[in-house]
Amino acid sequence: MADRERNAQGIREGFRLAAVWVVLALIFELAAHHWVVHDPYYRVQSEQGLVSVHAFDIIVYLSTALLAFVVSFLGFSVVRFRRRAGQEPVSNVQYQRSPWFQRIWMVLKIAIVLGVFMNPDLTGMEKLWAYGLPPWNHGAVVVDVQARQWQWRFGYPQYGLPMDTKTNGRDVLVVPEGKPIKFVMTSLDVTHSFYVPAWSVKMDIIPGETRTMYLTPTTTGSTASDPMLRVQCAQLCGAGHAYMSAFVKVVTPQQFRTWVAQQQQALTASHT
């Protein structure tokens, strides 16, 4: 009878803990959702960046539920099983073993890890790889990216526009909205990292290697209107690392064609 009563009491305590967890999880998830929706870092402006944001959202929501469980378990234990004034300890044994709890918790942890590995990890990687394959990469605008201490240079080989360092030492990356862009990246000296916060993409550029990355901008804008829309080196590369940035302009396809024509005319005029 004592064992049966103890088991029944344990079940009741488990239901109470579950109720506390559900309520706290709902509160935490609402707060996480508000952060995800309204945080400025989530204003991603590329198709590829949305894949990363989707993966991060899943991890945030899952971690929030686990955090709520840990907080609920600790809070419930402190309140429910505290030693009250004048109460004598029931037993000198301060812990109990529950093989079933250990097995369920182990299976649950394995399931969570495998679930995250399958989605968003593998599914996200599959989507990102697909952007570099037909038909996603059809008609991509090729942009040569050259990194060096502490400067970015851009060229457009399809249009006969070579890399050209501006007088102030800072080049401008101009790309069309809604068109796939193929970045072909090299480094002249040390390891750099091509990072545009608004696009939520980053790739290291290693000396002696040519690396490619596909990206499709989804919103027009410029560094002047959105500081997150800039090329920033994200790999410590020397004393001038913090200042290794470049302006970005995302324009409509028509504006991009006009810009290309203007650059071609200026290039022709400089050679005459």
C-alpha atoms as a PDB file:
ATOM      1  CA  MET A   1       0.000   0.000   0.000  1.00  0.00           C
ATOM      2  CA  ALA A   2       2.827   2.363   0.861  1.00  0.00           C
ATOM      3  CA  ASP A   3       4.494   1.804  -2.508  1.00  0.00           C
ATOM      4  CA  ARG A   4       1.208   2.253  -4.352  1.00  0.00           C
ATOM      5  CA  GLU A   5       0.469   5.476  -2.494  1.00  0.00           C
ATOM      6  CA  ARG A   6       3.990   6.722  -3.147  1.00  0.00           C
ATOM      7  CA  ASN A   7       3.619   6.000  -6.862  1.00  0.00           C
ATOM      8  CA  ALA A   8       0.252   7.754  -6.996  1.00  0.00           C
ATOM      9  CA  GLN A   9       1.725  10.777  -5.265  1.00  0.00           C
ATOM     10  CA  GLY A  10       4.631  10.786  -7.727  1.00  0.00           C
ATOM     11  CA  ILE A  11       2.198  10.777 -10.640  1.00  0.00           C
ATOM     12  CA  ARG A  12       0.279  13.695  -9.151  1.00  0.00           C
ATOM     13  CA  GLU A  13       3.503  15.647  -8.664  1.00  0.00           C
ATOM     14  CA  GLY A  14       4.467  14.874 -12.236  1.00  0.00           C
ATOM     15  CA  PHE A  15       1.197  16.292 -13.546  1.00  0.00           C
ATOM     16  CA  ARG A  16       1.672  19.425 -11.457  1.00  0.00           C
ATOM     17  CA  LEU A  17       5.199  19.871 -12.786  1.00  0.00           C
ATOM     18  CA  ALA A  18       3.932  19.361 -16.341  1.00  0.00           C
ATOM     19  CA  ALA A  19       1.251  22.012 -15.802  1.00  0.00           C
ATOM     20  CA  VAL A  20       3.844  24.496 -14.532  1.00  0.00           C
ATOM     21  CA  TRP A  21       6.091  23.674 -17.501  1.00  0.00           C
ATOM     22  CA  VAL A  22       3.296  24.205 -20.036  1.00  0.00           C
ATOM     23  CA  VAL A  23       2.313  27.582 -18.574  1.00  0.00           C
ATOM     24  CA  LEU A  24       5.900  28.802 -18.311  1.00  0.00           C
ATOM     25  CA  ALA A  25       6.737  27.473 -21.780  1.00  0.00           C
ATOM     26  CA  LEU A  26       3.827  29.396 -23.290  1.00  0.00           C
ATOM     27  CA  ILE A  27       5.042  32.616 -21.652  1.00  0.00           C
ATOM     28  CA  PHE A  28       8.639  32.034 -22.763  1.00  0.00           C
ATOM     29  CA  GLU A  29       7.589  31.081 -26.312  1.00  0.00           C
ATOM     30  CA  LEU A  30       5.482  34.238 -26.658  1.00  0.00           C
ATOM     31  CA  ALA A  31       8.477  36.316 -25.571  1.00  0.00           C
ATOM     32  CA  ALA A  32      10.748  34.449 -28.003  1.00  0.00           C
ATOM     33  CA  HIS A  33       8.253  34.916 -30.827  1.00  0.00           C
ATOM     34  CA  HIS A  34       8.066  38.648 -30.130  1.00  0.00           C
ATOM     35  CA  TRP A  35      11.863  38.836 -30.255  1.00  0.00           C
ATOM     36  CA  VAL A  36      12.057  36.817 -33.469  1.00  0.00           C
ATOM     37  CA  VAL A  37       9.447  38.954 -35.230  1.00  0.00           C
ATOM     38  CA  HIS A  38      10.560  42.400 -34.085  1.00  0.00           C
ATOM     39  CA  ASP A  39      14.327  42.086 -33.691  1.00  0.00           C
ATOM     40  CA  PRO A  40      16.103  44.170 -36.389  1.00  0.00           C
ATOM     41  CA  TYR A  41      18.654  41.428 -37.004  1.00  0.00           C
ATOM     42  CA  TYR A  42      15.865  39.320 -38.462  1.00  0.00           C
ATOM     43  CA  ARG A  43      15.247  41.703 -41.357  1.00  0.00           C
ATOM     44  CA  VAL A  44      17.003  39.384 -43.755  1.00  0.00           C
ATOM     45  CA  GLN A  45      17.144  40.560 -47.358  1.00  0.00           C
ATOM     46  CA  SER A  46      18.171  37.444 -49.290  1.00  0.00           C
ATOM     47  CA  GLU A  47      16.656  34.066 -50.150  1.00  0.00           C
ATOM     48  CA  GLN A  48      19.663  32.206 -48.772  1.00  0.00           C
ATOM     49  CA  GLY A  49      19.547  34.180 -45.544  1.00  0.00           C
ATOM     50  CA  LEU A  50      15.959  33.083 -44.959  1.00  0.00           C
ATOM     51  CA  VAL A  51      17.182  29.470 -44.824  1.00  0.00           C
ATOM     52  CA  SER A  52      19.550  30.385 -41.992  1.00  0.00           C
ATOM     53  CA  VAL A  53      16.866  32.395 -40.209  1.00  0.00           C
ATOM     54  CA  HIS A  54      14.455  29.451 -40.423  1.00  0.00           C
ATOM     55  CA  ALA A  55      17.081  27.192 -38.859  1.00  0.00           C
ATOM     56  CA  PHE A  56      17.812  29.695 -36.116  1.00  0.00           C
ATOM     57  CA  ASP A  57      14.102  30.133 -35.377  1.00  0.00           C
ATOM     58  CA  ILE A  58      13.670  26.405 -34.845  1.00  0.00           C
ATOM     59  CA  ILE A  59      16.619  26.310 -32.448  1.00  0.00           C
ATOM     60  CA  VAL A  60      15.323  29.365 -30.564  1.00  0.00           C
ATOM     61  CA  TYR A  61      11.844  27.894 -30.072  1.00  0.00           C
ATOM     62  CA  LEU A  62      13.236  24.483 -29.094  1.00  0.00           C
ATOM     63  CA  SER A  63      15.783  25.970 -26.681  1.00  0.00           C
ATOM     64  CA  THR A  64      13.072  28.141 -25.141  1.00  0.00           C
ATOM     65  CA  ALA A  65      10.948  25.084 -24.372  1.00  0.00           C
ATOM     66  CA  LEU A  66      13.954  23.328 -22.800  1.00  0.00           C
ATOM     67  CA  LEU A  67      14.790  26.435 -20.780  1.00  0.00           C
ATOM     68  CA  ALA A  68      11.214  26.555 -19.516  1.00  0.00           C
ATOM     69  CA  PHE A  69      11.486  22.896 -18.463  1.00  0.00           C
ATOM     70  CA  VAL A  70      14.712  23.464 -16.529  1.00  0.00           C
ATOM     71  CA  VAL A  71      13.365  26.580 -14.789  1.00  0.00           C
ATOM     72  CA  SER A  72      10.065  24.818 -14.004  1.00  0.00           C
ATOM     73  CA  PHE A  73      11.823  21.749 -12.618  1.00  0.00           C
ATOM     74  CA  LEU A  74      14.136  23.804 -10.384  1.00  0.00           C
ATOM     75  CA  GLY A  75      11.400  26.154  -9.199  1.00  0.00           C
ATOM     76  CA  PHE A  76       8.919  23.351  -8.559  1.00  0.00           C
ATOM     77  CA  SER A  77      11.509  21.324  -6.618  1.00  0.00           C
ATOM     78  CA  VAL A  78      12.508  24.280  -4.459  1.00  0.00           C
ATOM     79  CA  VAL A  79       8.909  25.155  -3.589  1.00  0.00           C
ATOM     80  CA  ARG A  80       7.327  21.704  -3.339  1.00  0.00           C
ATOM     81  CA  PHE A  81      10.087  19.750  -1.600  1.00  0.00           C
ATOM     82  CA  ARG A  82      11.513  22.394   0.691  1.00  0.00           C
ATOM     83  CA  ARG A  83      11.994  21.547   4.327  1.00  0.00           C
ATOM     84  CA  ARG A  84       9.452  23.471   6.354  1.00  0.00           C
ATOM     85  CA  ALA A  85       9.988  24.918   9.823  1.00  0.00           C
ATOM     86  CA  GLY A  86       9.815  22.246  12.497  1.00  0.00           C
ATOM     87  CA  GLN A  87       9.758  19.411   9.967  1.00  0.00           C
ATOM     88  CA  GLU A  88      12.091  16.524  10.567  1.00  0.00           C
ATOM     89  CA  PRO A  89      13.850  14.913   7.612  1.00  0.00           C
ATOM     90  CA  VAL A  90      11.957  11.848   6.418  1.00  0.00           C
ATOM     91  CA  SER A  91      15.075   9.966   5.426  1.00  0.00           C
ATOM     92  CA  ASN A  92      18.808  10.395   5.452  1.00  0.00           C
ATOM     93  CA  VAL A  93      18.850   9.464   1.774  1.00  0.00           C
ATOM     94  CA  GLN A  94      18.780  12.698  -0.209  1.00  0.00           C
ATOM     95  CA  TYR A  95      18.310  11.189  -3.657  1.00  0.00           C
ATOM     96  CA  GLN A  96      16.313   8.495  -5.415  1.00  0.00           C
ATOM     97  CA  ARG A  97      17.060   6.527  -8.536  1.00  0.00           C
ATOM     98  CA  SER A  98      14.483   6.184 -11.277  1.00  0.00           C
ATOM     99  CA  PRO A  99      15.612   3.907 -14.120  1.00  0.00           C
ATOM    100  CA  TRP A 100      12.518   4.767 -16.140  1.00  0.00           C
ATOM    101  CA  PHE A 101      13.174   8.483 -15.858  1.00  0.00           C
ATOM    102  CA  GLN A 102      16.788   7.964 -16.928  1.00  0.00           C
ATOM    103  CA  ARG A 103      15.740   5.892 -19.952  1.00  0.00           C
ATOM    104  CA  ILE A 104      13.019   8.304 -21.042  1.00  0.00           C
ATOM    105  CA  TRP A 105      15.334  11.296 -20.661  1.00  0.00           C
ATOM    106  CA  MET A 106      18.096   9.582 -22.635  1.00  0.00           C
ATOM    107  CA  VAL A 107      15.716   8.655 -25.468  1.00  0.00           C
ATOM    108  CA  LEU A 108      14.282  12.178 -25.477  1.00  0.00           C
ATOM    109  CA  LYS A 109      17.740  13.784 -25.739  1.00  0.00           C
ATOM    110  CA  ILE A 110      18.742  11.494 -28.602  1.00  0.00           C
ATOM    111  CA  ALA A 111      15.470  12.256 -30.397  1.00  0.00           C
ATOM    112  CA  ILE A 112      16.005  16.022 -30.006  1.00  0.00           C
ATOM    113  CA  VAL A 113      19.575  15.870 -31.329  1.00  0.00           C
ATOM    114  CA  LEU A 114      18.620  13.672 -34.292  1.00  0.00           C
ATOM    115  CA  GLY A 115      15.594  15.844 -35.032  1.00  0.00           C
ATOM    116  CA  VAL A 116      17.671  19.031 -35.134  1.00  0.00           C
ATOM    117  CA  PHE A 117      20.288  17.259 -37.246  1.00  0.00           C
ATOM    118  CA  MET A 118      17.638  16.278 -39.794  1.00  0.00           C
ATOM    119  CA  ASN A 119      15.789  19.597 -39.713  1.00  0.00           C
ATOM    120  CA  PRO A 120      16.987  22.287 -39.994  1.00  0.00           C
ATOM    121  CA  ASP A 121      20.576  21.063 -40.431  1.00  0.00           C
ATOM    122  CA  LEU A 122      20.405  18.632 -43.372  1.00  0.00           C
ATOM    123  CA  THR A 123      17.339  20.202 -44.985  1.00  0.00           C
ATOM    124  CA  GLY A 124      18.906  23.676 -44.765  1.00  0.00           C
ATOM    125  CA  MET A 125      22.210  22.514 -46.236  1.00  0.00           C
ATOM    126  CA  GLU A 126      20.341  20.817 -49.075  1.00  0.00           C
ATOM    127  CA  LYS A 127      18.551  24.073 -49.902  1.00  0.00           C
ATOM    128  CA  LEU A 128      21.754  26.117 -49.809  1.00  0.00           C
ATOM    129  CA  TRP A 129      23.577  23.642 -52.065  1.00  0.00           C
ATOM    130  CA  ALA A 130      20.646  23.663 -54.494  1.00  0.00           C
ATOM    131  CA  TYR A 131      21.026  27.410 -55.059  1.00  0.00           C
ATOM    132  CA  GLY A 132      24.344  26.733 -56.799  1.00  0.00           C
ATOM    133  CA  LEU A 133      22.854  24.155 -59.173  1.00  0.00           C
ATOM    134  CA  PRO A 134      20.486  24.351 -62.170  1.00  0.00           C
ATOM    135  CA  PRO A 135      17.897  25.701 -62.477  1.00  0.00           C
ATOM    136  CA  TRP A 136      18.485  28.013 -59.500  1.00  0.00           C
ATOM    137  CA  ASN A 137      21.765  29.419 -60.807  1.00  0.00           C
ATOM    138  CA  HIS A 138      20.491  30.050 -64.338  1.00  0.00           C
ATOM    139  CA  GLY A 139      21.365  33.548 -65.541  1.00  0.00           C
ATOM    140  CA  ALA A 140      23.394  34.418 -62.464  1.00  0.00           C
ATOM    141  CA  VAL A 141      25.270  37.727 -62.424  1.00  0.00           C
ATOM    142  CA  VAL A 142      28.948  36.960 -61.821  1.00  0.00           C
ATOM    143  CA  VAL A 143      30.771  39.284 -59.422  1.00  0.00           C
ATOM    144  CA  ASP A 144      34.503  38.880 -58.831  1.00  0.00           C
ATOM    145  CA  VAL A 145      35.392  39.675 -55.233  1.00  0.00           C
ATOM    146  CA  GLN A 146      38.983  40.344 -54.263  1.00  0.00           C
ATOM    147  CA  ALA A 147      39.945  40.751 -50.612  1.00  0.00           C
ATOM    148  CA  ARG A 148      43.185  42.242 -49.369  1.00  0.00           C
ATOM    149  CA  GLN A 149      44.358  44.126 -46.325  1.00  0.00           C
ATOM    150  CA  TRP A 150      42.150  46.073 -45.755  1.00  0.00           C
ATOM    151  CA  GLN A 151      40.014  46.537 -48.816  1.00  0.00           C
ATOM    152  CA  TRP A 152      37.356  44.936 -50.982  1.00  0.00           C
ATOM    153  CA  ARG A 153      37.408  45.126 -54.788  1.00  0.00           C
ATOM    154  CA  PHE A 154      34.610  44.060 -57.145  1.00  0.00           C
ATOM    155  CA  GLY A 155      34.541  43.293 -60.858  1.00  0.00           C
ATOM    156  CA  TYR A 156      31.850  42.231 -63.323  1.00  0.00           C
ATOM    157  CA  PRO A 157      33.504  39.994 -65.951  1.00  0.00           C
ATOM    158  CA  GLN A 158      30.247  39.370 -67.850  1.00  0.00           C
ATOM    159  CA  TYR A 159      30.075  43.059 -68.672  1.00  0.00           C
ATOM    160  CA  GLY A 160      33.773  43.694 -69.181  1.00  0.00           C
ATOM    161  CA  LEU A 161      34.071  45.726 -65.975  1.00  0.00           C
ATOM    162  CA  PRO A 162      37.374  45.001 -64.213  1.00  0.00           C
ATOM    163  CA  MET A 163      38.148  45.604 -60.583  1.00  0.00           C
ATOM    164  CA  ASP A 164      38.802  49.281 -60.007  1.00  0.00           C
ATOM    165  CA  THR A 165      39.911  50.822 -56.745  1.00  0.00           C
ATOM    166  CA  LYS A 166      38.103  54.034 -56.027  1.00  0.00           C
ATOM    167  CA  THR A 167      40.044  57.169 -55.080  1.00  0.00           C
ATOM    168  CA  ASN A 168      39.033  56.810 -51.433  1.00  0.00           C
ATOM    169  CA  GLY A 169      40.170  53.181 -51.371  1.00  0.00           C
ATOM    170  CA  ARG A 170      36.624  51.850 -50.947  1.00  0.00           C
ATOM    171  CA  ASP A 171      34.781  50.069 -53.732  1.00  0.00           C
ATOM    172  CA  VAL A 172      30.999  49.772 -54.027  1.00  0.00           C
ATOM    173  CA  LEU A 173      29.147  46.512 -54.616  1.00  0.00           C
ATOM    174  CA  VAL A 174      26.140  47.041 -56.901  1.00  0.00           C
ATOM    175  CA  VAL A 175      23.779  44.100 -57.520  1.00  0.00           C
ATOM    176  CA  PRO A 176      20.250  43.704 -58.931  1.00  0.00           C
ATOM    177  CA  GLU A 177      17.269  42.748 -56.808  1.00  0.00           C
ATOM    178  CA  GLY A 178      15.674  39.359 -57.415  1.00  0.00           C
ATOM    179  CA  LYS A 179      18.529  38.046 -59.592  1.00  0.00           C
ATOM    180  CA  PRO A 180      20.887  35.232 -58.554  1.00  0.00           C
ATOM    181  CA  ILE A 181      24.397  36.521 -57.917  1.00  0.00           C
ATOM    182  CA  LYS A 182      27.490  34.328 -58.173  1.00  0.00           C
ATOM    183  CA  PHE A 183      30.320  35.696 -56.058  1.00  0.00           C
ATOM    184  CA  VAL A 184      33.762  34.422 -57.107  1.00  0.00           C
ATOM    185  CA  MET A 185      36.053  35.272 -54.217  1.00  0.00           C
ATOM    186  CA  THR A 186      39.842  35.326 -53.806  1.00  0.00           C
ATOM    187  CA  SER A 187      42.304  36.757 -51.298  1.00  0.00           C
ATOM    188  CA  LEU A 188      45.655  38.374 -52.087  1.00  0.00           C
ATOM    189  CA  ASP A 189      47.207  38.041 -48.644  1.00  0.00           C
ATOM    190  CA  VAL A 190      45.589  36.577 -45.512  1.00  0.00           C
ATOM    191  CA  THR A 191      42.298  34.894 -44.670  1.00  0.00           C
ATOM    192  CA  HIS A 192      39.330  37.233 -44.866  1.00  0.00           C
ATOM    193  CA  SER A 193      35.584  36.619 -44.523  1.00  0.00           C
ATOM    194  CA  PHE A 194      32.874  37.985 -46.810  1.00  0.00           C
ATOM    195  CA  TYR A 195      29.956  38.956 -44.589  1.00  0.00           C
ATOM    196  CA  VAL A 196      26.836  41.012 -45.295  1.00  0.00           C
ATOM    197  CA  PRO A 197      24.659  41.177 -42.131  1.00  0.00           C
ATOM    198  CA  ALA A 198      21.467  42.101 -44.016  1.00  0.00           C
ATOM    199  CA  TRP A 199      21.871  39.052 -46.262  1.00  0.00           C
ATOM    200  CA  SER A 200      22.737  36.742 -43.351  1.00  0.00           C
ATOM    201  CA  VAL A 201      25.525  35.077 -45.328  1.00  0.00           C
ATOM    202  CA  LYS A 202      29.224  34.647 -44.600  1.00  0.00           C
ATOM    203  CA  MET A 203      32.067  32.792 -46.267  1.00  0.00           C
ATOM    204  CA  ASP A 204      35.767  32.691 -45.473  1.00  0.00           C
ATOM    205  CA  ILE A 205      38.173  33.625 -48.275  1.00  0.00           C
ATOM    206  CA  ILE A 206      41.431  31.687 -48.002  1.00  0.00           C
ATOM    207  CA  PRO A 207      44.610  32.659 -49.882  1.00  0.00           C
ATOM    208  CA  GLY A 208      45.348  30.333 -52.795  1.00  0.00           C
ATOM    209  CA  GLU A 209      41.705  29.242 -53.121  1.00  0.00           C
ATOM    210  CA  THR A 210      38.843  30.484 -55.285  1.00  0.00           C
ATOM    211  CA  ARG A 211      35.528  30.242 -53.490  1.00  0.00           C
ATOM    212  CA  THR A 212      32.048  30.740 -54.880  1.00  0.00           C
ATOM    213  CA  MET A 213      28.798  31.667 -53.214  1.00  0.00           C
ATOM    214  CA  TYR A 214      25.321  32.167 -54.672  1.00  0.00           C
ATOM    215  CA  LEU A 215      22.936  34.758 -53.320  1.00  0.00           C
ATOM    216  CA  THR A 216      19.646  36.338 -54.400  1.00  0.00           C
ATOM    217  CA  PRO A 217      18.873  39.776 -52.894  1.00  0.00           C
ATOM    218  CA  THR A 218      15.176  40.286 -52.177  1.00  0.00           C
ATOM    219  CA  THR A 219      15.029  43.976 -51.220  1.00  0.00           C
ATOM    220  CA  THR A 220      16.442  47.143 -52.748  1.00  0.00           C
ATOM    221  CA  GLY A 221      18.488  49.386 -50.508  1.00  0.00           C
ATOM    222  CA  SER A 222      21.928  50.742 -49.754  1.00  0.00           C
ATOM    223  CA  THR A 223      24.409  51.105 -46.942  1.00  0.00           C
ATOM    224  CA  ALA A 224      23.353  54.739 -46.570  1.00  0.00           C
ATOM    225  CA  SER A 225      19.771  53.734 -45.719  1.00  0.00           C
ATOM    226  CA  ASP A 226      20.579  50.478 -43.907  1.00  0.00           C
ATOM    227  CA  PRO A 227      23.982  50.073 -42.189  1.00  0.00           C
ATOM    228  CA  MET A 228      23.378  46.320 -42.016  1.00  0.00           C
ATOM    229  CA  LEU A 229      23.587  46.248 -45.815  1.00  0.00           C
ATOM    230  CA  ARG A 230      27.371  46.397 -46.138  1.00  0.00           C
ATOM    231  CA  VAL A 231      30.269  44.095 -46.893  1.00  0.00           C
ATOM    232  CA  GLN A 232      32.207  43.567 -43.681  1.00  0.00           C
ATOM    233  CA  CYS A 233      35.241  41.389 -43.084  1.00  0.00           C
ATOM    234  CA  ALA A 234      34.311  38.940 -40.318  1.00  0.00           C
ATOM    235  CA  GLN A 235      37.757  37.367 -39.901  1.00  0.00           C
ATOM    236  CA  LEU A 236      40.479  39.101 -37.903  1.00  0.00           C
ATOM    237  CA  CYS A 237      42.979  40.066 -40.591  1.00  0.00           C
ATOM    238  CA  GLY A 238      45.285  42.659 -39.066  1.00  0.00           C
ATOM    239  CA  ALA A 239      45.361  46.146 -37.628  1.00  0.00           C
ATOM    240  CA  GLY A 240      42.821  47.557 -40.109  1.00  0.00           C
ATOM    241  CA  HIS A 241      40.324  44.702 -39.820  1.00  0.00           C
ATOM    242  CA  ALA A 242      37.591  46.805 -38.203  1.00  0.00           C
ATOM    243  CA  TYR A 243      37.671  49.240 -41.112  1.00  0.00           C
ATOM    244  CA  MET A 244      37.594  46.630 -43.871  1.00  0.00           C
ATOM    245  CA  SER A 245      34.105  47.268 -45.217  1.00  0.00           C
ATOM    246  CA  ALA A 246      32.477  48.237 -48.502  1.00  0.00           C
ATOM    247  CA  PHE A 247      29.245  49.957 -49.434  1.00  0.00           C
ATOM    248  CA  VAL A 248      26.434  47.930 -51.013  1.00  0.00           C
ATOM    249  CA  LYS A 249      23.668  49.046 -53.350  1.00  0.00           C
ATOM    250  CA  VAL A 250      20.805  46.731 -54.298  1.00  0.00           C
ATOM    251  CA  VAL A 251      18.910  48.230 -57.230  1.00  0.00           C
ATOM    252  CA  THR A 252      16.156  47.122 -59.583  1.00  0.00           C
ATOM    253  CA  PRO A 253      17.176  45.112 -62.678  1.00  0.00           C
ATOM    254  CA  GLN A 254      16.517  48.137 -64.897  1.00  0.00           C
ATOM    255  CA  GLN A 255      18.638  50.382 -62.696  1.00  0.00           C
ATOM    256  CA  PHE A 256      21.381  47.765 -62.733  1.00  0.00           C
ATOM    257  CA  ARG A 257      21.413  47.655 -66.543  1.00  0.00           C
ATOM    258  CA  THR A 258      21.606  51.447 -66.607  1.00  0.00           C
ATOM    259  CA  TRP A 259      24.472  51.408 -64.114  1.00  0.00           C
ATOM    260  CA  VAL A 260      26.356  48.803 -66.144  1.00  0.00           C
ATOM    261  CA  ALA A 261      25.957  50.887 -69.320  1.00  0.00           C
ATOM    262  CA  GLN A 262      27.253  53.962 -67.518  1.00  0.00           C
ATOM    263  CA  GLN A 263      30.270  52.091 -66.197  1.00  0.00           C
ATOM    264  CA  GLN A 264      31.035  50.682 -69.649  1.00  0.00           C
ATOM    265  CA  GLN A 265      30.845  54.149 -71.177  1.00  0.00           C
ATOM    266  CA  ALA A 266      33.129  55.561 -68.486  1.00  0.00           C
ATOM    267  CA  LEU A 267      35.586  52.709 -69.050  1.00  0.00           C
ATOM    268  CA  THR A 268      35.602  53.285 -72.814  1.00  0.00           C
ATOM    269  CA  ALA A 269      36.109  57.023 -72.341  1.00  0.00           C
ATOM    270  CA  SER A 270      39.065  56.436 -70.037  1.00  0.00           C
ATOM    271  CA  HIS A 271      40.798  54.356 -72.722  1.00  0.00           C
ATOM    272  CA  THR A 272      40.413  56.961 -75.475  1.00  0.00           C
END
